[in-house]
Amino acid sequence: MNKLHKIRILVVDDHFLVRMGLIGVVNLEPDMEVVGEAADGAQAVQEFNRCQPDLVLMDLRMPRFDGIWATAEIRSKHPEARILMLTTYDGDTDIHRAVKAGAQGYVLKNTSREKLIPGLRAVAAGQQWIPKEIATRLAERNIFEELTAREIQVLEQMAKGLANKEIADVFKISEHTVKGHLKNILGKLLVADRTEAVTKALQRGIIRL
């Protein structure tokens, strides 16, 4: 009788209890086994090189080096690597960055075991796994105009509660220029004021607190 080939999985998450939970869930499956674990992006790259897994279950947001950095790093050296991104965030900017970095799938941490396991099997088999609600987010992204790097920087200062003059001082630009950036930001995010702009940018993953 042929021995069952198990999908060899590397689990990456900076929260110990979450990582242990994921490992437990995966190891319950007869056709899967966890062959490595990591707590940040740098460790993920090291562990991938060490154990050469069939699939990486990768947390998106981690300290030092995040999952997007690690995904891009792994895929640059191992283009055949299969990576399923895992996150609590469903902002379209985060999703877009993950897919652009080379992740073939994306699941939310609040997803059920019944949805996670098929996602693992699909990505391990070379398929894409983008749940309907996440595909909708990506489609909605097309209605928004991209913000420039400077506009994102201005947004980050707004999120800290800085007024226009204070933002002007930070970047050594005029208050008039800041007002111009603010006008562009409101127009691109389709919002009416700076509070809405910050809220929308946080929801979409454009900025982080």
C-alpha atoms as a PDB file:
ATOM      1  CA  MET A   1       0.000   0.000   0.000  1.00  0.00           C
ATOM      2  CA  ASN A   2       1.387   3.393  -0.996  1.00  0.00           C
ATOM      3  CA  LYS A   3       2.286   5.687   1.849  1.00  0.00           C
ATOM      4  CA  LEU A   4       0.179   8.882   1.825  1.00  0.00           C
ATOM      5  CA  HIS A   5       2.200  11.874   0.624  1.00  0.00           C
ATOM      6  CA  LYS A   6       1.711  14.607   3.189  1.00  0.00           C
ATOM      7  CA  ILE A   7       1.646  18.312   2.352  1.00  0.00           C
ATOM      8  CA  ARG A   8       4.641  19.728   4.217  1.00  0.00           C
ATOM      9  CA  ILE A   9       3.725  23.084   5.745  1.00  0.00           C
ATOM     10  CA  LEU A  10       5.696  25.935   7.329  1.00  0.00           C
ATOM     11  CA  VAL A  11       3.568  27.980   9.785  1.00  0.00           C
ATOM     12  CA  VAL A  12       4.557  31.622  10.328  1.00  0.00           C
ATOM     13  CA  ASP A  13       2.898  33.842  12.969  1.00  0.00           C
ATOM     14  CA  ASP A  14       4.357  36.187  15.578  1.00  0.00           C
ATOM     15  CA  HIS A  15       1.759  35.247  18.230  1.00  0.00           C
ATOM     16  CA  PHE A  16       2.816  32.045  19.979  1.00  0.00           C
ATOM     17  CA  LEU A  17      -0.693  30.860  20.891  1.00  0.00           C
ATOM     18  CA  VAL A  18      -2.028  31.538  17.385  1.00  0.00           C
ATOM     19  CA  ARG A  19       0.924  29.673  15.885  1.00  0.00           C
ATOM     20  CA  MET A  20       0.414  26.693  18.193  1.00  0.00           C
ATOM     21  CA  GLY A  21      -3.303  26.668  17.339  1.00  0.00           C
ATOM     22  CA  LEU A  22      -2.593  26.655  13.609  1.00  0.00           C
ATOM     23  CA  ILE A  23      -0.022  23.892  13.998  1.00  0.00           C
ATOM     24  CA  GLY A  24      -2.567  21.838  15.944  1.00  0.00           C
ATOM     25  CA  VAL A  25      -5.261  22.322  13.303  1.00  0.00           C
ATOM     26  CA  VAL A  26      -2.917  21.404  10.429  1.00  0.00           C
ATOM     27  CA  ASN A  27      -1.476  18.331  12.148  1.00  0.00           C
ATOM     28  CA  LEU A  28      -4.983  16.933  12.667  1.00  0.00           C
ATOM     29  CA  GLU A  29      -5.277  16.467   8.904  1.00  0.00           C
ATOM     30  CA  PRO A  30      -4.063  13.037   7.709  1.00  0.00           C
ATOM     31  CA  ASP A  31      -2.601  14.500   4.505  1.00  0.00           C
ATOM     32  CA  MET A  32      -0.723  17.403   6.143  1.00  0.00           C
ATOM     33  CA  GLU A  33       2.195  17.895   8.511  1.00  0.00           C
ATOM     34  CA  VAL A  34       3.909  20.974   9.944  1.00  0.00           C
ATOM     35  CA  VAL A  35       7.633  20.761   9.234  1.00  0.00           C
ATOM     36  CA  GLY A  36       8.672  24.163  10.548  1.00  0.00           C
ATOM     37  CA  GLU A  37       7.511  27.293  12.341  1.00  0.00           C
ATOM     38  CA  ALA A  38       8.650  30.922  12.495  1.00  0.00           C
ATOM     39  CA  ALA A  39       7.742  34.071  14.450  1.00  0.00           C
ATOM     40  CA  ASP A  40       8.691  36.735  11.907  1.00  0.00           C
ATOM     41  CA  GLY A  41       9.565  37.264   8.255  1.00  0.00           C
ATOM     42  CA  ALA A  42      13.327  36.833   8.665  1.00  0.00           C
ATOM     43  CA  GLN A  43      12.835  33.505  10.471  1.00  0.00           C
ATOM     44  CA  ALA A  44      10.337  32.481   7.799  1.00  0.00           C
ATOM     45  CA  VAL A  45      12.965  32.879   5.072  1.00  0.00           C
ATOM     46  CA  GLN A  46      15.521  30.907   7.125  1.00  0.00           C
ATOM     47  CA  GLU A  47      13.047  28.122   7.881  1.00  0.00           C
ATOM     48  CA  PHE A  48      11.908  27.926   4.261  1.00  0.00           C
ATOM     49  CA  ASN A  49      15.511  27.413   3.160  1.00  0.00           C
ATOM     50  CA  ARG A  50      16.006  24.789   5.876  1.00  0.00           C
ATOM     51  CA  CYS A  51      12.913  22.634   5.432  1.00  0.00           C
ATOM     52  CA  GLN A  52      11.828  23.396   1.823  1.00  0.00           C
ATOM     53  CA  PRO A  53       8.081  23.064   2.555  1.00  0.00           C
ATOM     54  CA  ASP A  54       5.350  22.450  -0.022  1.00  0.00           C
ATOM     55  CA  LEU A  55       3.407  25.396   1.388  1.00  0.00           C
ATOM     56  CA  VAL A  56       3.840  28.372   3.717  1.00  0.00           C
ATOM     57  CA  LEU A  57       0.955  29.591   5.879  1.00  0.00           C
ATOM     58  CA  MET A  58       2.167  33.171   6.369  1.00  0.00           C
ATOM     59  CA  ASP A  59       0.934  35.838   8.784  1.00  0.00           C
ATOM     60  CA  LEU A  60       0.790  39.215   7.033  1.00  0.00           C
ATOM     61  CA  ARG A  61       1.609  41.644   9.832  1.00  0.00           C
ATOM     62  CA  MET A  62       4.583  40.854  12.039  1.00  0.00           C
ATOM     63  CA  PRO A  63       7.284  42.936  13.752  1.00  0.00           C
ATOM     64  CA  ARG A  64      10.634  43.614  12.033  1.00  0.00           C
ATOM     65  CA  PHE A  65      10.006  41.851   8.718  1.00  0.00           C
ATOM     66  CA  ASP A  66       6.361  41.281   7.764  1.00  0.00           C
ATOM     67  CA  GLY A  67       4.742  38.552   5.704  1.00  0.00           C
ATOM     68  CA  ILE A  68       4.740  40.580   2.507  1.00  0.00           C
ATOM     69  CA  TRP A  69       8.508  41.153   2.752  1.00  0.00           C
ATOM     70  CA  ALA A  70       9.078  37.449   3.504  1.00  0.00           C
ATOM     71  CA  THR A  71       6.822  36.350   0.633  1.00  0.00           C
ATOM     72  CA  ALA A  72       8.663  38.554  -1.867  1.00  0.00           C
ATOM     73  CA  GLU A  73      12.031  37.367  -0.490  1.00  0.00           C
ATOM     74  CA  ILE A  74      11.108  33.657  -0.699  1.00  0.00           C
ATOM     75  CA  ARG A  75       9.518  33.952  -4.154  1.00  0.00           C
ATOM     76  CA  SER A  76      12.513  35.855  -5.553  1.00  0.00           C
ATOM     77  CA  LYS A  77      14.749  32.841  -4.837  1.00  0.00           C
ATOM     78  CA  HIS A  78      12.105  30.103  -5.098  1.00  0.00           C
ATOM     79  CA  PRO A  79       9.542  31.162  -7.747  1.00  0.00           C
ATOM     80  CA  GLU A  80       7.733  27.840  -7.333  1.00  0.00           C
ATOM     81  CA  ALA A  81       7.081  28.504  -3.608  1.00  0.00           C
ATOM     82  CA  ARG A  82       3.420  28.358  -2.613  1.00  0.00           C
ATOM     83  CA  ILE A  83       2.244  30.817   0.014  1.00  0.00           C
ATOM     84  CA  LEU A  84      -1.150  31.274   1.654  1.00  0.00           C
ATOM     85  CA  MET A  85      -1.389  34.647   3.444  1.00  0.00           C
ATOM     86  CA  LEU A  86      -3.165  34.768   6.789  1.00  0.00           C
ATOM     87  CA  THR A  87      -4.324  37.987   8.449  1.00  0.00           C
ATOM     88  CA  THR A  88      -6.885  39.674  10.652  1.00  0.00           C
ATOM     89  CA  TYR A  89      -7.035  42.530   8.132  1.00  0.00           C
ATOM     90  CA  ASP A  90      -9.103  42.634   4.960  1.00  0.00           C
ATOM     91  CA  GLY A  91      -8.031  46.057   3.656  1.00  0.00           C
ATOM     92  CA  ASP A  92      -7.732  46.022  -0.134  1.00  0.00           C
ATOM     93  CA  THR A  93      -4.256  47.614  -0.047  1.00  0.00           C
ATOM     94  CA  ASP A  94      -2.889  44.806   2.144  1.00  0.00           C
ATOM     95  CA  ILE A  95      -4.528  42.162  -0.059  1.00  0.00           C
ATOM     96  CA  HIS A  96      -3.152  43.792  -3.214  1.00  0.00           C
ATOM     97  CA  ARG A  97       0.370  43.979  -1.739  1.00  0.00           C
ATOM     98  CA  ALA A  98       0.238  40.331  -0.674  1.00  0.00           C
ATOM     99  CA  VAL A  99      -0.873  39.113  -4.103  1.00  0.00           C
ATOM    100  CA  LYS A 100       1.691  41.367  -5.818  1.00  0.00           C
ATOM    101  CA  ALA A 101       4.441  39.907  -3.586  1.00  0.00           C
ATOM    102  CA  GLY A 102       3.560  36.434  -4.848  1.00  0.00           C
ATOM    103  CA  ALA A 103       1.022  34.975  -2.416  1.00  0.00           C
ATOM    104  CA  GLN A 104      -1.378  32.607  -4.207  1.00  0.00           C
ATOM    105  CA  GLY A 105      -4.051  32.761  -1.546  1.00  0.00           C
ATOM    106  CA  TYR A 106      -5.397  34.915   1.249  1.00  0.00           C
ATOM    107  CA  VAL A 107      -7.474  33.907   4.284  1.00  0.00           C
ATOM    108  CA  LEU A 108      -8.692  35.863   7.298  1.00  0.00           C
ATOM    109  CA  LYS A 109      -7.813  34.700  10.811  1.00  0.00           C
ATOM    110  CA  ASN A 110     -11.485  34.587  11.758  1.00  0.00           C
ATOM    111  CA  THR A 111     -12.122  31.990   9.050  1.00  0.00           C
ATOM    112  CA  SER A 112     -13.317  28.549  10.124  1.00  0.00           C
ATOM    113  CA  ARG A 113     -11.233  25.360  10.011  1.00  0.00           C
ATOM    114  CA  GLU A 114     -13.642  24.137   7.320  1.00  0.00           C
ATOM    115  CA  LYS A 115     -12.545  27.014   5.072  1.00  0.00           C
ATOM    116  CA  LEU A 116      -8.863  27.132   6.023  1.00  0.00           C
ATOM    117  CA  ILE A 117      -8.098  23.486   5.212  1.00  0.00           C
ATOM    118  CA  PRO A 118      -9.476  23.613   1.618  1.00  0.00           C
ATOM    119  CA  GLY A 119      -7.457  26.812   1.137  1.00  0.00           C
ATOM    120  CA  LEU A 120      -4.277  25.026   2.189  1.00  0.00           C
ATOM    121  CA  ARG A 121      -4.982  22.096  -0.137  1.00  0.00           C
ATOM    122  CA  ALA A 122      -5.839  24.382  -3.068  1.00  0.00           C
ATOM    123  CA  VAL A 123      -2.676  26.510  -2.811  1.00  0.00           C
ATOM    124  CA  ALA A 124      -0.513  23.412  -2.247  1.00  0.00           C
ATOM    125  CA  ALA A 125      -1.974  22.044  -5.504  1.00  0.00           C
ATOM    126  CA  GLY A 126      -0.939  25.212  -7.340  1.00  0.00           C
ATOM    127  CA  GLN A 127      -4.349  26.878  -7.390  1.00  0.00           C
ATOM    128  CA  GLN A 128      -5.316  30.353  -6.219  1.00  0.00           C
ATOM    129  CA  TRP A 129      -7.478  30.763  -3.117  1.00  0.00           C
ATOM    130  CA  ILE A 130      -9.199  34.131  -2.850  1.00  0.00           C
ATOM    131  CA  PRO A 131     -12.468  33.934  -0.849  1.00  0.00           C
ATOM    132  CA  LYS A 132     -15.445  35.801  -2.263  1.00  0.00           C
ATOM    133  CA  GLU A 133     -15.402  38.651   0.272  1.00  0.00           C
ATOM    134  CA  ILE A 134     -11.704  39.277  -0.407  1.00  0.00           C
ATOM    135  CA  ALA A 135     -12.196  39.141  -4.198  1.00  0.00           C
ATOM    136  CA  THR A 136     -14.915  41.777  -3.729  1.00  0.00           C
ATOM    137  CA  ARG A 137     -12.467  44.006  -1.832  1.00  0.00           C
ATOM    138  CA  LEU A 138      -9.937  43.711  -4.651  1.00  0.00           C
ATOM    139  CA  ALA A 139     -12.589  44.566  -7.252  1.00  0.00           C
ATOM    140  CA  GLU A 140     -13.686  47.615  -5.231  1.00  0.00           C
ATOM    141  CA  ARG A 141     -10.080  48.813  -5.189  1.00  0.00           C
ATOM    142  CA  ASN A 142     -10.368  49.706  -8.880  1.00  0.00           C
ATOM    143  CA  ILE A 143     -12.752  52.596  -8.132  1.00  0.00           C
ATOM    144  CA  PHE A 144     -10.109  54.387  -6.046  1.00  0.00           C
ATOM    145  CA  GLU A 145      -7.243  56.424  -7.478  1.00  0.00           C
ATOM    146  CA  GLU A 146      -3.794  55.546  -6.082  1.00  0.00           C
ATOM    147  CA  LEU A 147      -2.331  57.890  -3.457  1.00  0.00           C
ATOM    148  CA  THR A 148       1.207  59.189  -3.932  1.00  0.00           C
ATOM    149  CA  ALA A 149       3.938  58.406  -1.400  1.00  0.00           C
ATOM    150  CA  ARG A 150       3.759  61.992  -0.071  1.00  0.00           C
ATOM    151  CA  GLU A 151      -0.033  61.835   0.302  1.00  0.00           C
ATOM    152  CA  ILE A 152       0.341  58.652   2.358  1.00  0.00           C
ATOM    153  CA  GLN A 153       2.949  60.382   4.541  1.00  0.00           C
ATOM    154  CA  VAL A 154       0.570  63.320   5.089  1.00  0.00           C
ATOM    155  CA  LEU A 155      -2.208  60.843   5.985  1.00  0.00           C
ATOM    156  CA  GLU A 156       0.060  59.177   8.552  1.00  0.00           C
ATOM    157  CA  GLN A 157       0.675  62.556  10.215  1.00  0.00           C
ATOM    158  CA  MET A 158      -3.057  63.316  10.152  1.00  0.00           C
ATOM    159  CA  ALA A 159      -3.671  59.995  11.911  1.00  0.00           C
ATOM    160  CA  LYS A 160      -1.342  61.200  14.694  1.00  0.00           C
ATOM    161  CA  GLY A 161      -3.617  64.218  15.122  1.00  0.00           C
ATOM    162  CA  LEU A 162      -1.292  66.823  13.584  1.00  0.00           C
ATOM    163  CA  ALA A 163      -2.794  70.011  12.135  1.00  0.00           C
ATOM    164  CA  ASN A 164      -1.864  71.313   8.665  1.00  0.00           C
ATOM    165  CA  LYS A 165       0.785  73.717  10.010  1.00  0.00           C
ATOM    166  CA  GLU A 166       2.393  70.964  12.102  1.00  0.00           C
ATOM    167  CA  ILE A 167       2.448  68.628   9.074  1.00  0.00           C
ATOM    168  CA  ALA A 168       4.042  71.441   7.026  1.00  0.00           C
ATOM    169  CA  ASP A 169       6.767  71.762   9.691  1.00  0.00           C
ATOM    170  CA  VAL A 170       7.436  68.001   9.671  1.00  0.00           C
ATOM    171  CA  PHE A 171       8.064  67.909   5.916  1.00  0.00           C
ATOM    172  CA  LYS A 172       9.543  71.421   5.583  1.00  0.00           C
ATOM    173  CA  ILE A 173       6.847  72.409   3.080  1.00  0.00           C
ATOM    174  CA  SER A 174       4.290  75.216   3.042  1.00  0.00           C
ATOM    175  CA  GLU A 175       0.891  74.974   4.693  1.00  0.00           C
ATOM    176  CA  HIS A 176      -0.597  75.717   1.265  1.00  0.00           C
ATOM    177  CA  THR A 177       1.103  72.571  -0.118  1.00  0.00           C
ATOM    178  CA  VAL A 178      -0.299  70.496   2.757  1.00  0.00           C
ATOM    179  CA  LYS A 179      -3.799  71.795   1.971  1.00  0.00           C
ATOM    180  CA  GLY A 180      -3.267  70.741  -1.644  1.00  0.00           C
ATOM    181  CA  HIS A 181      -2.297  67.242  -0.546  1.00  0.00           C
ATOM    182  CA  LEU A 182      -5.344  67.096   1.751  1.00  0.00           C
ATOM    183  CA  LYS A 183      -7.656  68.077  -1.099  1.00  0.00           C
ATOM    184  CA  ASN A 184      -6.166  65.316  -3.290  1.00  0.00           C
ATOM    185  CA  ILE A 185      -6.453  62.770  -0.468  1.00  0.00           C
ATOM    186  CA  LEU A 186     -10.140  63.545   0.139  1.00  0.00           C
ATOM    187  CA  GLY A 187     -10.869  63.288  -3.589  1.00  0.00           C
ATOM    188  CA  LYS A 188      -9.012  60.010  -4.073  1.00  0.00           C
ATOM    189  CA  LEU A 189     -10.530  58.341  -1.003  1.00  0.00           C
ATOM    190  CA  LEU A 190     -14.012  59.675  -1.849  1.00  0.00           C
ATOM    191  CA  VAL A 191     -14.510  61.188   1.617  1.00  0.00           C
ATOM    192  CA  ALA A 192     -15.623  64.575   2.967  1.00  0.00           C
ATOM    193  CA  ASP A 193     -13.170  65.387   5.761  1.00  0.00           C
ATOM    194  CA  ARG A 194      -9.842  64.442   7.344  1.00  0.00           C
ATOM    195  CA  THR A 195     -11.413  62.189  10.031  1.00  0.00           C
ATOM    196  CA  GLU A 196     -13.168  60.162   7.345  1.00  0.00           C
ATOM    197  CA  ALA A 197      -9.930  60.091   5.342  1.00  0.00           C
ATOM    198  CA  VAL A 198      -7.954  58.595   8.237  1.00  0.00           C
ATOM    199  CA  THR A 199     -10.719  56.064   8.979  1.00  0.00           C
ATOM    200  CA  LYS A 200     -10.937  54.976   5.327  1.00  0.00           C
ATOM    201  CA  ALA A 201      -7.140  54.712   5.005  1.00  0.00           C
ATOM    202  CA  LEU A 202      -6.962  52.507   8.116  1.00  0.00           C
ATOM    203  CA  GLN A 203      -9.813  50.285   6.888  1.00  0.00           C
ATOM    204  CA  ARG A 204      -8.149  49.810   3.507  1.00  0.00           C
ATOM    205  CA  GLY A 205      -4.714  49.132   4.992  1.00  0.00           C
ATOM    206  CA  ILE A 206      -3.135  52.205   3.365  1.00  0.00           C
ATOM    207  CA  ILE A 207      -1.801  53.378   6.744  1.00  0.00           C
ATOM    208  CA  ARG A 208      -1.361  51.705  10.118  1.00  0.00           C
ATOM    209  CA  LEU A 209      -1.477  53.118  13.601  1.00  0.00           C
END
